[in-house]
Amino acid sequence: MNIQWLKVIIAAFFEIGWVIGLKHADSVMEWAGTVIAIIISFYYLIMAGQKLPAGTVYAVFVGIGTAGTVLAGMIFFGEAASVEKLLLIGVLLVGVIGLKVVTPEEEE
């Protein structure tokens, strides 16, 4: 895996953290963690976008972030889960993986 795609994945995981923080942060420390996650997430997204196609990078970033946020909501916060939701998350991830697969790697 190209280091640039690893940056996209790191950015997406921090996105999951800051999106959850926006909803659930109640203290100064939790808000500070949310802001730090935003900074780290966008830093890695911008770094990857300098070497990879911006549209594909953003689609993969948002797709992973969306799937992760929905799954985290179901697992950790008791949000409703259904077979339909899980199937649609699967379809989303197939699309994200497909975009990554068909995007040519750039030499470092």
PDB file of N, CA and C in Angstrom:
ATOM      1  N   MET A   1       0.845  -1.182   0.000  1.00  0.00           N
ATOM      2  CA  MET A   1       0.000   0.000   0.000  1.00  0.00           C
ATOM      3  C   MET A   1       0.886   1.240   0.000  1.00  0.00           C
ATOM      4  N   ASN A   2       0.526   2.170  -0.809  1.00  0.00           N
ATOM      5  CA  ASN A   2       1.219   3.445  -0.915  1.00  0.00           C
ATOM      6  C   ASN A   2       1.056   4.232   0.387  1.00  0.00           C
ATOM      7  N   ILE A   3       2.087   4.921   0.815  1.00  0.00           N
ATOM      8  CA  ILE A   3       2.034   5.714   2.051  1.00  0.00           C
ATOM      9  C   ILE A   3       0.947   6.790   1.981  1.00  0.00           C
ATOM     10  N   GLN A   4       0.654   7.273   0.777  1.00  0.00           N
ATOM     11  CA  GLN A   4      -0.382   8.308   0.637  1.00  0.00           C
ATOM     12  C   GLN A   4      -1.764   7.748   0.990  1.00  0.00           C
ATOM     13  N   TRP A   5      -2.017   6.501   0.606  1.00  0.00           N
ATOM     14  CA  TRP A   5      -3.307   5.893   0.954  1.00  0.00           C
ATOM     15  C   TRP A   5      -3.382   5.617   2.448  1.00  0.00           C
ATOM     16  N   LEU A   6      -2.254   5.304   3.069  1.00  0.00           N
ATOM     17  CA  LEU A   6      -2.233   5.144   4.520  1.00  0.00           C
ATOM     18  C   LEU A   6      -2.608   6.458   5.203  1.00  0.00           C
ATOM     19  N   LYS A   7      -2.145   7.576   4.654  1.00  0.00           N
ATOM     20  CA  LYS A   7      -2.515   8.894   5.196  1.00  0.00           C
ATOM     21  C   LYS A   7      -4.020   9.125   5.099  1.00  0.00           C
ATOM     22  N   VAL A   8      -4.619   8.691   3.993  1.00  0.00           N
ATOM     23  CA  VAL A   8      -6.074   8.841   3.836  1.00  0.00           C
ATOM     24  C   VAL A   8      -6.799   8.024   4.902  1.00  0.00           C
ATOM     25  N   ILE A   9      -6.338   6.806   5.141  1.00  0.00           N
ATOM     26  CA  ILE A   9      -6.973   5.947   6.142  1.00  0.00           C
ATOM     27  C   ILE A   9      -6.819   6.540   7.542  1.00  0.00           C
ATOM     28  N   ILE A  10      -5.636   7.053   7.859  1.00  0.00           N
ATOM     29  CA  ILE A  10      -5.422   7.705   9.159  1.00  0.00           C
ATOM     30  C   ILE A  10      -6.352   8.902   9.293  1.00  0.00           C
ATOM     31  N   ALA A  11      -6.436   9.712   8.242  1.00  0.00           N
ATOM     32  CA  ALA A  11      -7.321  10.879   8.254  1.00  0.00           C
ATOM     33  C   ALA A  11      -8.765  10.465   8.502  1.00  0.00           C
ATOM     34  N   ALA A  12      -9.195   9.386   7.870  1.00  0.00           N
ATOM     35  CA  ALA A  12     -10.576   8.926   8.019  1.00  0.00           C
ATOM     36  C   ALA A  12     -10.859   8.452   9.442  1.00  0.00           C
ATOM     37  N   PHE A  13      -9.900   7.767  10.059  1.00  0.00           N
ATOM     38  CA  PHE A  13     -10.117   7.315  11.428  1.00  0.00           C
ATOM     39  C   PHE A  13     -10.183   8.497  12.399  1.00  0.00           C
ATOM     40  N   PHE A  14      -9.390   9.515  12.164  1.00  0.00           N
ATOM     41  CA  PHE A  14      -9.513  10.708  12.994  1.00  0.00           C
ATOM     42  C   PHE A  14     -10.822  11.439  12.713  1.00  0.00           C
ATOM     43  N   GLU A  15     -11.315  11.334  11.480  1.00  0.00           N
ATOM     44  CA  GLU A  15     -12.623  11.921  11.161  1.00  0.00           C
ATOM     45  C   GLU A  15     -13.717  11.264  12.004  1.00  0.00           C
ATOM     46  N   ILE A  16     -13.664   9.957  12.118  1.00  0.00           N
ATOM     47  CA  ILE A  16     -14.646   9.252  12.948  1.00  0.00           C
ATOM     48  C   ILE A  16     -14.611   9.818  14.368  1.00  0.00           C
ATOM     49  N   GLY A  17     -13.404  10.018  14.884  1.00  0.00           N
ATOM     50  CA  GLY A  17     -13.263  10.567  16.235  1.00  0.00           C
ATOM     51  C   GLY A  17     -13.830  11.956  16.379  1.00  0.00           C
ATOM     52  N   TRP A  18     -13.551  12.851  15.408  1.00  0.00           N
ATOM     53  CA  TRP A  18     -14.049  14.216  15.594  1.00  0.00           C
ATOM     54  C   TRP A  18     -15.536  14.328  15.342  1.00  0.00           C
ATOM     55  N   VAL A  19     -16.074  13.488  14.469  1.00  0.00           N
ATOM     56  CA  VAL A  19     -17.526  13.529  14.264  1.00  0.00           C
ATOM     57  C   VAL A  19     -18.244  13.064  15.529  1.00  0.00           C
ATOM     58  N   ILE A  20     -17.757  12.011  16.142  1.00  0.00           N
ATOM     59  CA  ILE A  20     -18.332  11.555  17.408  1.00  0.00           C
ATOM     60  C   ILE A  20     -18.164  12.637  18.469  1.00  0.00           C
ATOM     61  N   GLY A  21     -16.994  13.284  18.496  1.00  0.00           N
ATOM     62  CA  GLY A  21     -16.743  14.358  19.461  1.00  0.00           C
ATOM     63  C   GLY A  21     -17.699  15.523  19.292  1.00  0.00           C
ATOM     64  N   LEU A  22     -18.038  15.866  18.066  1.00  0.00           N
ATOM     65  CA  LEU A  22     -18.967  16.981  17.847  1.00  0.00           C
ATOM     66  C   LEU A  22     -20.318  16.716  18.497  1.00  0.00           C
ATOM     67  N   LYS A  23     -20.731  15.469  18.544  1.00  0.00           N
ATOM     68  CA  LYS A  23     -22.025  15.137  19.138  1.00  0.00           C
ATOM     69  C   LYS A  23     -21.937  14.892  20.635  1.00  0.00           C
ATOM     70  N   HIS A  24     -20.862  14.272  21.101  1.00  0.00           N
ATOM     71  CA  HIS A  24     -20.831  13.767  22.470  1.00  0.00           C
ATOM     72  C   HIS A  24     -19.891  14.514  23.418  1.00  0.00           C
ATOM     73  N   ALA A  25     -19.110  15.465  22.938  1.00  0.00           N
ATOM     74  CA  ALA A  25     -18.165  16.158  23.825  1.00  0.00           C
ATOM     75  C   ALA A  25     -18.935  17.032  24.820  1.00  0.00           C
ATOM     76  N   ASP A  26     -18.591  16.877  26.093  1.00  0.00           N
ATOM     77  CA  ASP A  26     -19.255  17.641  27.160  1.00  0.00           C
ATOM     78  C   ASP A  26     -18.292  18.462  28.004  1.00  0.00           C
ATOM     79  N   SER A  27     -17.010  18.166  27.937  1.00  0.00           N
ATOM     80  CA  SER A  27     -16.054  18.872  28.782  1.00  0.00           C
ATOM     81  C   SER A  27     -15.012  19.567  27.910  1.00  0.00           C
ATOM     82  N   VAL A  28     -14.229  20.417  28.546  1.00  0.00           N
ATOM     83  CA  VAL A  28     -13.170  21.121  27.829  1.00  0.00           C
ATOM     84  C   VAL A  28     -12.169  20.137  27.240  1.00  0.00           C
ATOM     85  N   MET A  29     -11.835  19.103  27.986  1.00  0.00           N
ATOM     86  CA  MET A  29     -10.870  18.107  27.497  1.00  0.00           C
ATOM     87  C   MET A  29     -11.429  17.352  26.291  1.00  0.00           C
ATOM     88  N   GLU A  30     -12.705  17.000  26.332  1.00  0.00           N
ATOM     89  CA  GLU A  30     -13.310  16.296  25.197  1.00  0.00           C
ATOM     90  C   GLU A  30     -13.359  17.200  23.965  1.00  0.00           C
ATOM     91  N   TRP A  31     -13.668  18.481  24.176  1.00  0.00           N
ATOM     92  CA  TRP A  31     -13.674  19.423  23.040  1.00  0.00           C
ATOM     93  C   TRP A  31     -12.265  19.634  22.513  1.00  0.00           C
ATOM     94  N   ALA A  32     -11.272  19.663  23.405  1.00  0.00           N
ATOM     95  CA  ALA A  32      -9.883  19.799  22.958  1.00  0.00           C
ATOM     96  C   ALA A  32      -9.481  18.584  22.120  1.00  0.00           C
ATOM     97  N   GLY A  33      -9.882  17.396  22.554  1.00  0.00           N
ATOM     98  CA  GLY A  33      -9.606  16.188  21.786  1.00  0.00           C
ATOM     99  C   GLY A  33     -10.277  16.213  20.422  1.00  0.00           C
ATOM    100  N   THR A  34     -11.485  16.757  20.376  1.00  0.00           N
ATOM    101  CA  THR A  34     -12.215  16.872  19.108  1.00  0.00           C
ATOM    102  C   THR A  34     -11.478  17.813  18.156  1.00  0.00           C
ATOM    103  N   VAL A  35     -11.025  18.949  18.665  1.00  0.00           N
ATOM    104  CA  VAL A  35     -10.296  19.913  17.831  1.00  0.00           C
ATOM    105  C   VAL A  35      -8.972  19.314  17.343  1.00  0.00           C
ATOM    106  N   ILE A  36      -8.281  18.619  18.213  1.00  0.00           N
ATOM    107  CA  ILE A  36      -7.022  17.967  17.814  1.00  0.00           C
ATOM    108  C   ILE A  36      -7.288  16.935  16.730  1.00  0.00           C
ATOM    109  N   ALA A  37      -8.369  16.155  16.871  1.00  0.00           N
ATOM    110  CA  ALA A  37      -8.708  15.155  15.855  1.00  0.00           C
ATOM    111  C   ALA A  37      -9.024  15.826  14.519  1.00  0.00           C
ATOM    112  N   ILE A  38      -9.705  16.969  14.541  1.00  0.00           N
ATOM    113  CA  ILE A  38      -9.989  17.708  13.306  1.00  0.00           C
ATOM    114  C   ILE A  38      -8.689  18.130  12.633  1.00  0.00           C
ATOM    115  N   ILE A  39      -7.772  18.672  13.413  1.00  0.00           N
ATOM    116  CA  ILE A  39      -6.498  19.149  12.860  1.00  0.00           C
ATOM    117  C   ILE A  39      -5.709  17.987  12.250  1.00  0.00           C
ATOM    118  N   ILE A  40      -5.596  16.892  12.983  1.00  0.00           N
ATOM    119  CA  ILE A  40      -4.844  15.736  12.475  1.00  0.00           C
ATOM    120  C   ILE A  40      -5.515  15.175  11.222  1.00  0.00           C
ATOM    121  N   SER A  41      -6.834  15.056  11.264  1.00  0.00           N
ATOM    122  CA  SER A  41      -7.577  14.503  10.139  1.00  0.00           C
ATOM    123  C   SER A  41      -7.356  15.314   8.867  1.00  0.00           C
ATOM    124  N   PHE A  42      -7.517  16.623   8.958  1.00  0.00           N
ATOM    125  CA  PHE A  42      -7.357  17.447   7.768  1.00  0.00           C
ATOM    126  C   PHE A  42      -5.898  17.576   7.333  1.00  0.00           C
ATOM    127  N   TYR A  43      -4.974  17.515   8.273  1.00  0.00           N
ATOM    128  CA  TYR A  43      -3.559  17.540   7.909  1.00  0.00           C
ATOM    129  C   TYR A  43      -3.235  16.346   7.000  1.00  0.00           C
ATOM    130  N   TYR A  44      -3.615  15.140   7.446  1.00  0.00           N
ATOM    131  CA  TYR A  44      -3.320  13.949   6.650  1.00  0.00           C
ATOM    132  C   TYR A  44      -4.090  13.945   5.332  1.00  0.00           C
ATOM    133  N   LEU A  45      -5.316  14.447   5.348  1.00  0.00           N
ATOM    134  CA  LEU A  45      -6.106  14.525   4.116  1.00  0.00           C
ATOM    135  C   LEU A  45      -5.435  15.452   3.104  1.00  0.00           C
ATOM    136  N   ILE A  46      -4.980  16.593   3.556  1.00  0.00           N
ATOM    137  CA  ILE A  46      -4.305  17.554   2.673  1.00  0.00           C
ATOM    138  C   ILE A  46      -2.995  16.981   2.149  1.00  0.00           C
ATOM    139  N   MET A  47      -2.229  16.322   3.017  1.00  0.00           N
ATOM    140  CA  MET A  47      -0.968  15.732   2.580  1.00  0.00           C
ATOM    141  C   MET A  47      -1.197  14.667   1.501  1.00  0.00           C
ATOM    142  N   ALA A  48      -2.183  13.820   1.682  1.00  0.00           N
ATOM    143  CA  ALA A  48      -2.471  12.787   0.682  1.00  0.00           C
ATOM    144  C   ALA A  48      -2.999  13.400  -0.606  1.00  0.00           C
ATOM    145  N   GLY A  49      -3.790  14.446  -0.489  1.00  0.00           N
ATOM    146  CA  GLY A  49      -4.368  15.104  -1.653  1.00  0.00           C
ATOM    147  C   GLY A  49      -3.349  15.794  -2.535  1.00  0.00           C
ATOM    148  N   GLN A  50      -2.166  16.037  -2.007  1.00  0.00           N
ATOM    149  CA  GLN A  50      -1.114  16.645  -2.814  1.00  0.00           C
ATOM    150  C   GLN A  50      -0.497  15.650  -3.786  1.00  0.00           C
ATOM    151  N   LYS A  51      -0.609  14.362  -3.503  1.00  0.00           N
ATOM    152  CA  LYS A  51       0.015  13.329  -4.342  1.00  0.00           C
ATOM    153  C   LYS A  51      -1.004  12.481  -5.097  1.00  0.00           C
ATOM    154  N   LEU A  52      -2.224  12.386  -4.588  1.00  0.00           N
ATOM    155  CA  LEU A  52      -3.260  11.553  -5.193  1.00  0.00           C
ATOM    156  C   LEU A  52      -4.374  12.448  -5.724  1.00  0.00           C
ATOM    157  N   PRO A  53      -5.215  11.927  -6.622  1.00  0.00           N
ATOM    158  CA  PRO A  53      -6.330  12.725  -7.142  1.00  0.00           C
ATOM    159  C   PRO A  53      -7.272  13.172  -6.016  1.00  0.00           C
ATOM    160  N   ALA A  54      -7.513  14.458  -5.932  1.00  0.00           N
ATOM    161  CA  ALA A  54      -8.270  15.029  -4.818  1.00  0.00           C
ATOM    162  C   ALA A  54      -9.674  14.450  -4.705  1.00  0.00           C
ATOM    163  N   GLY A  55     -10.351  14.268  -5.825  1.00  0.00           N
ATOM    164  CA  GLY A  55     -11.707  13.738  -5.778  1.00  0.00           C
ATOM    165  C   GLY A  55     -11.773  12.348  -5.206  1.00  0.00           C
ATOM    166  N   THR A  56     -10.852  11.499  -5.619  1.00  0.00           N
ATOM    167  CA  THR A  56     -10.813  10.131  -5.118  1.00  0.00           C
ATOM    168  C   THR A  56     -10.425  10.107  -3.649  1.00  0.00           C
ATOM    169  N   VAL A  57      -9.448  10.910  -3.278  1.00  0.00           N
ATOM    170  CA  VAL A  57      -9.017  10.980  -1.879  1.00  0.00           C
ATOM    171  C   VAL A  57     -10.186  11.390  -0.992  1.00  0.00           C
ATOM    172  N   TYR A  58     -10.910  12.416  -1.418  1.00  0.00           N
ATOM    173  CA  TYR A  58     -12.017  12.906  -0.609  1.00  0.00           C
ATOM    174  C   TYR A  58     -13.130  11.863  -0.517  1.00  0.00           C
ATOM    175  N   ALA A  59     -13.439  11.189  -1.626  1.00  0.00           N
ATOM    176  CA  ALA A  59     -14.488  10.166  -1.615  1.00  0.00           C
ATOM    177  C   ALA A  59     -14.123   9.016  -0.682  1.00  0.00           C
ATOM    178  N   VAL A  60     -12.878   8.567  -0.725  1.00  0.00           N
ATOM    179  CA  VAL A  60     -12.437   7.476   0.155  1.00  0.00           C
ATOM    180  C   VAL A  60     -12.465   7.935   1.616  1.00  0.00           C
ATOM    181  N   PHE A  61     -11.980   9.134   1.871  1.00  0.00           N
ATOM    182  CA  PHE A  61     -11.973   9.721   3.219  1.00  0.00           C
ATOM    183  C   PHE A  61     -13.388   9.774   3.795  1.00  0.00           C
ATOM    184  N   VAL A  62     -14.312  10.330   3.043  1.00  0.00           N
ATOM    185  CA  VAL A  62     -15.688  10.483   3.522  1.00  0.00           C
ATOM    186  C   VAL A  62     -16.374   9.125   3.638  1.00  0.00           C
ATOM    187  N   GLY A  63     -16.104   8.223   2.693  1.00  0.00           N
ATOM    188  CA  GLY A  63     -16.726   6.907   2.748  1.00  0.00           C
ATOM    189  C   GLY A  63     -16.323   6.122   3.984  1.00  0.00           C
ATOM    190  N   ILE A  64     -15.024   6.085   4.250  1.00  0.00           N
ATOM    191  CA  ILE A  64     -14.545   5.381   5.450  1.00  0.00           C
ATOM    192  C   ILE A  64     -15.069   6.070   6.702  1.00  0.00           C
ATOM    193  N   GLY A  65     -15.030   7.394   6.705  1.00  0.00           N
ATOM    194  CA  GLY A  65     -15.519   8.142   7.859  1.00  0.00           C
ATOM    195  C   GLY A  65     -16.996   7.920   8.115  1.00  0.00           C
ATOM    196  N   THR A  66     -17.788   7.906   7.049  1.00  0.00           N
ATOM    197  CA  THR A  66     -19.224   7.682   7.185  1.00  0.00           C
ATOM    198  C   THR A  66     -19.513   6.285   7.719  1.00  0.00           C
ATOM    199  N   ALA A  67     -18.911   5.285   7.106  1.00  0.00           N
ATOM    200  CA  ALA A  67     -19.131   3.913   7.551  1.00  0.00           C
ATOM    201  C   ALA A  67     -18.692   3.739   9.005  1.00  0.00           C
ATOM    202  N   GLY A  68     -17.529   4.263   9.341  1.00  0.00           N
ATOM    203  CA  GLY A  68     -17.020   4.145  10.709  1.00  0.00           C
ATOM    204  C   GLY A  68     -17.879   4.866  11.728  1.00  0.00           C
ATOM    205  N   THR A  69     -18.380   6.037  11.364  1.00  0.00           N
ATOM    206  CA  THR A  69     -19.216   6.803  12.288  1.00  0.00           C
ATOM    207  C   THR A  69     -20.542   6.094  12.534  1.00  0.00           C
ATOM    208  N   VAL A  70     -21.153   5.574  11.481  1.00  0.00           N
ATOM    209  CA  VAL A  70     -22.418   4.843  11.642  1.00  0.00           C
ATOM    210  C   VAL A  70     -22.204   3.590  12.485  1.00  0.00           C
ATOM    211  N   LEU A  71     -21.146   2.834  12.197  1.00  0.00           N
ATOM    212  CA  LEU A  71     -20.860   1.624  12.974  1.00  0.00           C
ATOM    213  C   LEU A  71     -20.551   1.963  14.434  1.00  0.00           C
ATOM    214  N   ALA A  72     -19.779   3.014  14.666  1.00  0.00           N
ATOM    215  CA  ALA A  72     -19.472   3.425  16.047  1.00  0.00           C
ATOM    216  C   ALA A  72     -20.749   3.820  16.783  1.00  0.00           C
ATOM    217  N   GLY A  73     -21.646   4.503  16.093  1.00  0.00           N
ATOM    218  CA  GLY A  73     -22.914   4.878  16.716  1.00  0.00           C
ATOM    219  C   GLY A  73     -23.713   3.656  17.131  1.00  0.00           C
ATOM    220  N   MET A  74     -23.728   2.642  16.287  1.00  0.00           N
ATOM    221  CA  MET A  74     -24.463   1.417  16.614  1.00  0.00           C
ATOM    222  C   MET A  74     -23.788   0.645  17.743  1.00  0.00           C
ATOM    223  N   ILE A  75     -22.455   0.563  17.700  1.00  0.00           N
ATOM    224  CA  ILE A  75     -21.720  -0.252  18.676  1.00  0.00           C
ATOM    225  C   ILE A  75     -21.618   0.425  20.041  1.00  0.00           C
ATOM    226  N   PHE A  76     -21.270   1.712  20.043  1.00  0.00           N
ATOM    227  CA  PHE A  76     -20.960   2.385  21.308  1.00  0.00           C
ATOM    228  C   PHE A  76     -22.082   3.257  21.868  1.00  0.00           C
ATOM    229  N   PHE A  77     -23.010   3.688  21.033  1.00  0.00           N
ATOM    230  CA  PHE A  77     -24.002   4.657  21.494  1.00  0.00           C
ATOM    231  C   PHE A  77     -25.436   4.179  21.348  1.00  0.00           C
ATOM    232  N   GLY A  78     -25.621   2.886  21.053  1.00  0.00           N
ATOM    233  CA  GLY A  78     -26.955   2.305  21.036  1.00  0.00           C
ATOM    234  C   GLY A  78     -27.867   2.789  19.920  1.00  0.00           C
ATOM    235  N   GLU A  79     -27.294   3.308  18.846  1.00  0.00           N
ATOM    236  CA  GLU A  79     -28.131   3.725  17.727  1.00  0.00           C
ATOM    237  C   GLU A  79     -28.696   2.488  17.037  1.00  0.00           C
ATOM    238  N   ALA A  80     -29.839   2.651  16.406  1.00  0.00           N
ATOM    239  CA  ALA A  80     -30.540   1.524  15.786  1.00  0.00           C
ATOM    240  C   ALA A  80     -29.679   0.850  14.725  1.00  0.00           C
ATOM    241  N   ALA A  81     -29.654  -0.463  14.772  1.00  0.00           N
ATOM    242  CA  ALA A  81     -28.935  -1.258  13.775  1.00  0.00           C
ATOM    243  C   ALA A  81     -29.960  -2.095  13.022  1.00  0.00           C
ATOM    244  N   SER A  82     -29.690  -2.306  11.749  1.00  0.00           N
ATOM    245  CA  SER A  82     -30.575  -3.157  10.959  1.00  0.00           C
ATOM    246  C   SER A  82     -29.757  -3.817   9.859  1.00  0.00           C
ATOM    247  N   VAL A  83     -30.314  -4.871   9.319  1.00  0.00           N
ATOM    248  CA  VAL A  83     -29.651  -5.566   8.214  1.00  0.00           C
ATOM    249  C   VAL A  83     -29.488  -4.602   7.042  1.00  0.00           C
ATOM    250  N   GLU A  84     -30.512  -3.792   6.789  1.00  0.00           N
ATOM    251  CA  GLU A  84     -30.444  -2.846   5.672  1.00  0.00           C
ATOM    252  C   GLU A  84     -29.282  -1.868   5.834  1.00  0.00           C
ATOM    253  N   LYS A  85     -29.121  -1.328   7.036  1.00  0.00           N
ATOM    254  CA  LYS A  85     -28.010  -0.394   7.299  1.00  0.00           C
ATOM    255  C   LYS A  85     -26.670  -1.068   7.051  1.00  0.00           C
ATOM    256  N   LEU A  86     -26.534  -2.266   7.561  1.00  0.00           N
ATOM    257  CA  LEU A  86     -25.264  -2.975   7.409  1.00  0.00           C
ATOM    258  C   LEU A  86     -24.980  -3.301   5.944  1.00  0.00           C
ATOM    259  N   LEU A  87     -26.004  -3.682   5.195  1.00  0.00           N
ATOM    260  CA  LEU A  87     -25.816  -3.945   3.766  1.00  0.00           C
ATOM    261  C   LEU A  87     -25.410  -2.673   3.024  1.00  0.00           C
ATOM    262  N   LEU A  88     -26.042  -1.556   3.348  1.00  0.00           N
ATOM    263  CA  LEU A  88     -25.707  -0.298   2.677  1.00  0.00           C
ATOM    264  C   LEU A  88     -24.300   0.174   3.040  1.00  0.00           C
ATOM    265  N   ILE A  89     -23.884  -0.051   4.280  1.00  0.00           N
ATOM    266  CA  ILE A  89     -22.498   0.260   4.653  1.00  0.00           C
ATOM    267  C   ILE A  89     -21.549  -0.608   3.838  1.00  0.00           C
ATOM    268  N   GLY A  90     -21.906  -1.873   3.654  1.00  0.00           N
ATOM    269  CA  GLY A  90     -21.093  -2.762   2.828  1.00  0.00           C
ATOM    270  C   GLY A  90     -20.988  -2.271   1.397  1.00  0.00           C
ATOM    271  N   VAL A  91     -22.099  -1.835   0.832  1.00  0.00           N
ATOM    272  CA  VAL A  91     -22.087  -1.296  -0.536  1.00  0.00           C
ATOM    273  C   VAL A  91     -21.202  -0.055  -0.604  1.00  0.00           C
ATOM    274  N   LEU A  92     -21.317   0.804   0.396  1.00  0.00           N
ATOM    275  CA  LEU A  92     -20.484   2.010   0.451  1.00  0.00           C
ATOM    276  C   LEU A  92     -19.004   1.638   0.475  1.00  0.00           C
ATOM    277  N   LEU A  93     -18.650   0.683   1.300  1.00  0.00           N
ATOM    278  CA  LEU A  93     -17.243   0.282   1.401  1.00  0.00           C
ATOM    279  C   LEU A  93     -16.743  -0.383   0.124  1.00  0.00           C
ATOM    280  N   VAL A  94     -17.605  -1.136  -0.551  1.00  0.00           N
ATOM    281  CA  VAL A  94     -17.211  -1.723  -1.835  1.00  0.00           C
ATOM    282  C   VAL A  94     -16.887  -0.606  -2.825  1.00  0.00           C
ATOM    283  N   GLY A  95     -17.716   0.439  -2.848  1.00  0.00           N
ATOM    284  CA  GLY A  95     -17.449   1.571  -3.730  1.00  0.00           C
ATOM    285  C   GLY A  95     -16.151   2.283  -3.387  1.00  0.00           C
ATOM    286  N   VAL A  96     -15.893   2.473  -2.108  1.00  0.00           N
ATOM    287  CA  VAL A  96     -14.671   3.136  -1.663  1.00  0.00           C
ATOM    288  C   VAL A  96     -13.448   2.304  -2.045  1.00  0.00           C
ATOM    289  N   ILE A  97     -13.514   1.007  -1.795  1.00  0.00           N
ATOM    290  CA  ILE A  97     -12.395   0.133  -2.149  1.00  0.00           C
ATOM    291  C   ILE A  97     -12.202   0.127  -3.663  1.00  0.00           C
ATOM    292  N   GLY A  98     -13.310   0.109  -4.403  1.00  0.00           N
ATOM    293  CA  GLY A  98     -13.228   0.151  -5.859  1.00  0.00           C
ATOM    294  C   GLY A  98     -12.543   1.403  -6.359  1.00  0.00           C
ATOM    295  N   LEU A  99     -12.885   2.555  -5.788  1.00  0.00           N
ATOM    296  CA  LEU A  99     -12.220   3.798  -6.176  1.00  0.00           C
ATOM    297  C   LEU A  99     -10.723   3.729  -5.909  1.00  0.00           C
ATOM    298  N   LYS A 100     -10.346   3.183  -4.776  1.00  0.00           N
ATOM    299  CA  LYS A 100      -8.927   3.077  -4.438  1.00  0.00           C
ATOM    300  C   LYS A 100      -8.216   2.156  -5.418  1.00  0.00           C
ATOM    301  N   VAL A 101      -8.862   1.041  -5.764  1.00  0.00           N
ATOM    302  CA  VAL A 101      -8.250   0.050  -6.652  1.00  0.00           C
ATOM    303  C   VAL A 101      -8.033   0.606  -8.060  1.00  0.00           C
ATOM    304  N   VAL A 102      -8.994   1.363  -8.561  1.00  0.00           N
ATOM    305  CA  VAL A 102      -8.866   1.854  -9.950  1.00  0.00           C
ATOM    306  C   VAL A 102      -8.059   3.143 -10.068  1.00  0.00           C
ATOM    307  N   THR A 103      -7.656   3.724  -8.935  1.00  0.00           N
ATOM    308  CA  THR A 103      -6.843   4.932  -8.967  1.00  0.00           C
ATOM    309  C   THR A 103      -5.371   4.557  -9.065  1.00  0.00           C
ATOM    310  N   PRO A 104      -4.693   5.041 -10.110  1.00  0.00           N
ATOM    311  CA  PRO A 104      -3.277   4.670 -10.273  1.00  0.00           C
ATOM    312  C   PRO A 104      -2.418   5.195  -9.132  1.00  0.00           C
ATOM    313  N   GLU A 105      -1.454   4.399  -8.754  1.00  0.00           N
ATOM    314  CA  GLU A 105      -0.490   4.795  -7.720  1.00  0.00           C
ATOM    315  C   GLU A 105       0.479   5.789  -8.341  1.00  0.00           C
ATOM    316  N   GLU A 106       0.876   6.776  -7.561  1.00  0.00           N
ATOM    317  CA  GLU A 106       1.857   7.750  -8.036  1.00  0.00           C
ATOM    318  C   GLU A 106       3.191   7.439  -7.372  1.00  0.00           C
ATOM    319  N   GLU A 107       4.239   7.537  -8.137  1.00  0.00           N
ATOM    320  CA  GLU A 107       5.572   7.267  -7.603  1.00  0.00           C
ATOM    321  C   GLU A 107       5.947   8.353  -6.602  1.00  0.00           C
ATOM    322  N   GLU A 108       6.609   7.937  -5.534  1.00  0.00           N
ATOM    323  CA  GLU A 108       7.039   8.888  -4.501  1.00  0.00           C
ATOM    324  C   GLU A 108       8.384   9.472  -4.869  1.00  0.00           C
TER     325      GLU A 108
END
